[in-house]
Amino acid sequence: MPHETWADAYFTQAKQDFYLALHGMTNISQIECGASVCMLLQMFFEKYAKAVFCAQTGQLPPKNHLAAGNFLGALKKSSTKYKKWKDNPTLKLCFDFIKKIESLQPANANKWKEIDDCPQLEYPWCFHDVIYSPAMDLDIVSELKNAKSPILANVIHFAKNLIDSFPLFVKTHRFS
């Protein structure tokens, strides 16, 4: 069924990425799917940010993978709750996670180099003749494997709140 706007289409796709990440983390051991959950969350935040951009401007978003970082800036300006993110440990944790996974998106991590030589979410990389994989060698995945880490639960809650508040944003161009 076609969408009425680009914002709706991006939002629909973002929700699918979110729910696949949620399904992966609740139905598969975090040890087995940590990198994939991070990748799906990166895709969620990027597409959500592009949906917000479309709703805000009526234009298509730039064709890059830097939307989530730009979105965080807009979010901070949109609502008093988000302006003081540095004073809120949970928001700081979520914002830092979003920036981290955006930096690990392959195009952002490798800057379109031919050889993958630095950590990224989707593909193995080689550094000093040692081959690494996201599933085993990403710092963020190691953090998520720690049962005491609050990151994943907080990010999932934050993302769910963004999903729930999207209709309000479309109407008002503000987040609650």
Protein backbone atom coordinates (compact mmCIF):
# COMPACT_ATOMS: atom_id res chain seq x y z
CA MET A 1 0.00 0.00 0.00
CA PRO A 2 1.60 3.30 -1.06
CA HIS A 3 2.38 5.98 1.48
CA GLU A 4 1.03 9.52 1.38
CA THR A 5 4.38 11.09 2.23
CA TRP A 6 8.08 10.30 2.32
CA ALA A 7 7.95 10.89 6.08
CA ASP A 8 5.37 8.10 6.44
CA ALA A 9 7.43 5.75 4.28
CA TYR A 10 10.65 6.38 6.22
CA PHE A 11 8.79 6.09 9.53
CA THR A 12 7.25 2.75 8.50
CA GLN A 13 10.66 1.38 7.57
CA ALA A 14 12.21 2.73 10.77
CA LYS A 15 9.59 0.94 12.87
CA GLN A 16 10.30 -2.32 11.05
CA ASP A 17 14.03 -2.00 11.81
CA PHE A 18 13.23 -1.24 15.46
CA TYR A 19 10.91 -4.21 15.90
CA LEU A 20 13.40 -6.55 14.22
CA ALA A 21 16.09 -5.32 16.64
CA LEU A 22 13.70 -5.84 19.54
CA HIS A 23 12.82 -9.32 18.30
CA GLY A 24 16.49 -10.20 17.92
CA MET A 25 17.40 -9.08 21.41
CA THR A 26 14.47 -10.80 23.09
CA ASN A 27 14.48 -14.08 21.15
CA ILE A 28 18.15 -14.69 20.51
CA SER A 29 21.04 -14.57 22.91
CA GLN A 30 22.64 -11.11 22.97
CA ILE A 31 25.95 -12.87 22.59
CA GLU A 32 24.81 -14.25 19.23
CA CYS A 33 23.20 -11.13 17.80
CA GLY A 34 24.71 -8.05 19.45
CA ALA A 35 26.27 -6.62 16.29
CA SER A 36 23.11 -7.23 14.28
CA VAL A 37 20.94 -5.58 16.93
CA CYS A 38 23.28 -2.57 16.88
CA MET A 39 23.10 -2.47 13.08
CA LEU A 40 19.29 -2.58 13.13
CA LEU A 41 19.19 0.15 15.79
CA GLN A 42 21.55 2.27 13.69
CA MET A 43 19.22 1.78 10.73
CA PHE A 44 16.20 2.63 12.91
CA PHE A 45 17.70 5.91 14.14
CA GLU A 46 18.85 6.87 10.64
CA LYS A 47 15.46 6.22 9.04
CA TYR A 48 13.60 7.81 11.93
CA ALA A 49 15.78 10.90 11.57
CA LYS A 50 15.06 10.97 7.83
CA ALA A 51 11.32 10.68 8.55
CA VAL A 52 11.61 13.68 10.88
CA PHE A 53 13.55 15.60 8.22
CA CYS A 54 10.88 14.87 5.61
CA ALA A 55 8.06 15.84 7.98
CA GLN A 56 9.86 19.04 8.93
CA THR A 57 10.95 20.22 5.49
CA GLY A 58 8.68 18.48 2.99
CA GLN A 59 11.86 17.47 1.13
CA LEU A 60 13.77 14.24 0.69
CA PRO A 61 16.66 13.81 3.13
CA PRO A 62 20.30 13.90 2.06
CA LYS A 63 21.61 10.57 0.77
CA ASN A 64 24.11 9.92 3.51
CA HIS A 65 24.33 8.05 6.80
CA LEU A 66 24.68 11.09 9.06
CA ALA A 67 21.01 11.75 9.72
CA ALA A 68 20.92 10.47 13.31
CA GLY A 69 23.60 12.87 14.51
CA ASN A 70 21.80 15.78 12.85
CA PHE A 71 18.54 14.56 14.37
CA LEU A 72 20.02 14.65 17.89
CA GLY A 73 20.83 18.32 17.34
CA ALA A 74 17.25 19.01 16.25
CA LEU A 75 15.89 17.01 19.16
CA LYS A 76 17.91 19.06 21.64
CA LYS A 77 16.40 22.26 20.20
CA SER A 78 12.86 20.85 20.09
CA SER A 79 12.05 20.21 23.71
CA THR A 80 13.18 21.35 27.13
CA LYS A 81 13.46 17.71 28.16
CA TYR A 82 16.16 17.08 25.54
CA LYS A 83 18.03 20.39 25.92
CA LYS A 84 19.45 19.23 29.24
CA TRP A 85 20.51 15.81 27.97
CA LYS A 86 23.98 16.14 29.51
CA ASP A 87 22.38 16.42 32.95
CA ASN A 88 20.26 13.31 32.41
CA PRO A 89 22.39 10.13 32.63
CA THR A 90 19.84 8.05 30.72
CA LEU A 91 19.53 10.52 27.84
CA LYS A 92 23.31 10.99 27.75
CA LEU A 93 23.75 7.22 27.51
CA CYS A 94 21.21 7.03 24.66
CA PHE A 95 22.66 9.99 22.76
CA ASP A 96 26.20 8.64 23.12
CA PHE A 97 25.05 5.21 21.90
CA ILE A 98 23.36 6.75 18.84
CA LYS A 99 26.50 8.72 17.96
CA LYS A 100 28.65 5.61 18.44
CA ILE A 101 26.57 3.34 16.21
CA GLU A 102 26.30 6.07 13.57
CA SER A 103 30.10 6.32 13.53
CA LEU A 104 30.25 2.52 13.06
CA GLN A 105 27.98 2.53 10.00
CA PRO A 106 30.32 1.20 7.24
CA ALA A 107 30.33 4.31 5.02
CA ASN A 108 30.97 6.54 8.03
CA ALA A 109 33.55 4.24 9.62
CA ASN A 110 35.65 3.65 6.53
CA LYS A 111 34.95 6.90 4.69
CA TRP A 112 34.41 4.86 1.48
CA LYS A 113 37.95 3.45 1.49
CA GLU A 114 38.49 0.37 -0.63
CA ILE A 115 40.00 -1.64 2.26
CA ASP A 116 38.01 -2.04 5.47
CA ASP A 117 40.60 -1.26 8.11
CA CYS A 118 38.57 0.02 11.04
CA PRO A 119 35.71 -1.25 13.23
CA GLN A 120 32.20 -1.17 11.78
CA LEU A 121 28.78 -2.67 12.37
CA GLU A 122 28.29 -4.87 9.31
CA TYR A 123 31.54 -6.20 7.90
CA PRO A 124 34.81 -7.70 9.09
CA TRP A 125 37.88 -5.47 8.95
CA CYS A 126 41.63 -5.98 8.93
CA PHE A 127 44.03 -3.93 11.00
CA HIS A 128 47.77 -4.67 11.07
CA ASP A 129 47.15 -8.02 9.36
CA VAL A 130 44.68 -9.13 12.05
CA ILE A 131 41.11 -9.82 10.91
CA TYR A 132 38.23 -8.80 13.17
CA SER A 133 34.46 -9.23 13.00
CA PRO A 134 31.65 -7.09 14.42
CA ALA A 135 30.09 -10.08 16.17
CA MET A 136 33.16 -10.65 18.30
CA ASP A 137 35.32 -7.55 18.27
CA LEU A 138 33.26 -4.37 18.59
CA ASP A 139 33.55 -2.58 21.94
CA ILE A 140 29.87 -1.63 21.88
CA VAL A 141 28.87 -5.27 21.39
CA SER A 142 31.06 -6.27 24.35
CA GLU A 143 29.30 -3.63 26.46
CA LEU A 144 25.88 -4.96 25.44
CA LYS A 145 26.88 -8.51 26.38
CA ASN A 146 27.44 -7.32 29.95
CA ALA A 147 24.23 -8.24 31.78
CA LYS A 148 24.65 -5.22 34.08
CA SER A 149 24.85 -2.73 31.21
CA PRO A 150 21.80 -0.43 31.08
CA ILE A 151 22.49 0.67 27.51
CA LEU A 152 20.19 -1.60 25.54
CA ALA A 153 17.19 -1.31 27.84
CA ASN A 154 17.47 2.48 27.92
CA VAL A 155 17.98 2.80 24.16
CA ILE A 156 15.00 0.54 23.45
CA HIS A 157 12.82 2.60 25.80
CA PHE A 158 14.06 5.84 24.20
CA ALA A 159 13.40 4.51 20.67
CA LYS A 160 9.92 3.34 21.64
CA ASN A 161 9.15 6.81 23.00
CA LEU A 162 10.30 8.32 19.71
CA ILE A 163 8.01 5.98 17.79
CA ASP A 164 5.07 6.86 20.01
CA SER A 165 5.72 10.60 19.70
CA PHE A 166 6.16 10.70 15.91
CA PRO A 167 2.50 11.58 15.21
CA LEU A 168 2.81 14.53 17.62
CA PHE A 169 5.97 15.65 15.87
CA VAL A 170 4.28 15.50 12.45
CA LYS A 171 1.49 17.75 13.73
CA THR A 172 3.56 20.21 15.80
CA HIS A 173 7.21 19.81 14.67
CA ARG A 174 8.07 19.46 18.36
CA PHE A 175 8.81 16.54 20.63
CA SER A 176 7.17 16.38 24.02
